[in-house]
């Protein structure tokens, strides 16, 4: 704009004059004046005519709209959660009809591709993914453990073997994708939401399909020997850590690891061994093992959500992830039965 250029030239002329006056004086004062002038000039250049002519009431409305965005996201996430709960409660399960799977993913792909990013960012937010992939499954798993029916225990254990592990492991991908383009983040979040829901939607029951066609025939026989080896190793590791000297040395080494690596170790401790044990438990007819590991997943899901929220504020404190790991081990190992005690 012409007027902006004129004012910039006047401001620069005054700045040069002040520099010549203060040339023999305090050089620090001259640098401060030039910095202030440059700062004002940058603000004048970046301020658009629309912003200059924007009435005060319009600015207030713009601020209200920005502050209302979290409420819109919250309303959309709660609406999605309500739809998920109602569909699970009132629809009859029929996962063996492949037409349901085809129709489900055709609708999902159309929504993911055609829905504008400005709308998708509200509907398929990280809160929606958390509610669909973790919060509601934690609620259903808790309810399944509290009921005498054995069928729902195995059903939700099958979900946590796949969906729960997937939710915990892919959280670091959310941070990477969110730092990139907004369109990529929307596609990633919506894909996750549809994938988690597909695993327990009554008309698809993807977790059951994956379990019967992949987990039980292929992974089950191979993971049973691995479970015994891992159990023996964990028992030996616990006995070693019982020694205060070994425990102190391991804690010192763990303290020097980067925060991202410590978080990864904490998630691996809470998911790898329980996944192997859950697959082995689901492959047997004993319901006690199913209930035990379903109880663990319900409690660990809550612990993971607490860690995911608190690490933003207190994750930098030394010992935070160490506490998470020890809490996970307490919940996991049969010698403690911590998950059962916390649940009860």
Foldseek 3Di string as FASTA:
>chain_A
DVVLVVVLVVLVVVLVVVCVVCVVPDVVVNVVSVVVSVVVNVVSVPDDPCNVPPDPVNVVVVVVVVVCLVVLLVVLLVVLLVVLVVQLVPPAADAVPCVLVVVLVVVLVCCLPVPDLVVLCSNLPPSSLCSLQFVVLLVQLLVVLVDPDLVSLLLSLLLCLPSVLVVLVCPVVLVVQVVDDSSSNSSVSSVSNSVSSQCRRRHHVVSVVCCVPPLQPPVQVVLPVVLVVVLVVVVVVVVQCVPVVSVVVVLVVLQPDDLVVLSVVLSCLQRVSLSSQSSNVSNDPDSVSSSLSSLLSSVVSVLSVVCVVCCVPCVVPRCPSVVSNVLSVLCPDPVNVNSVVVSD
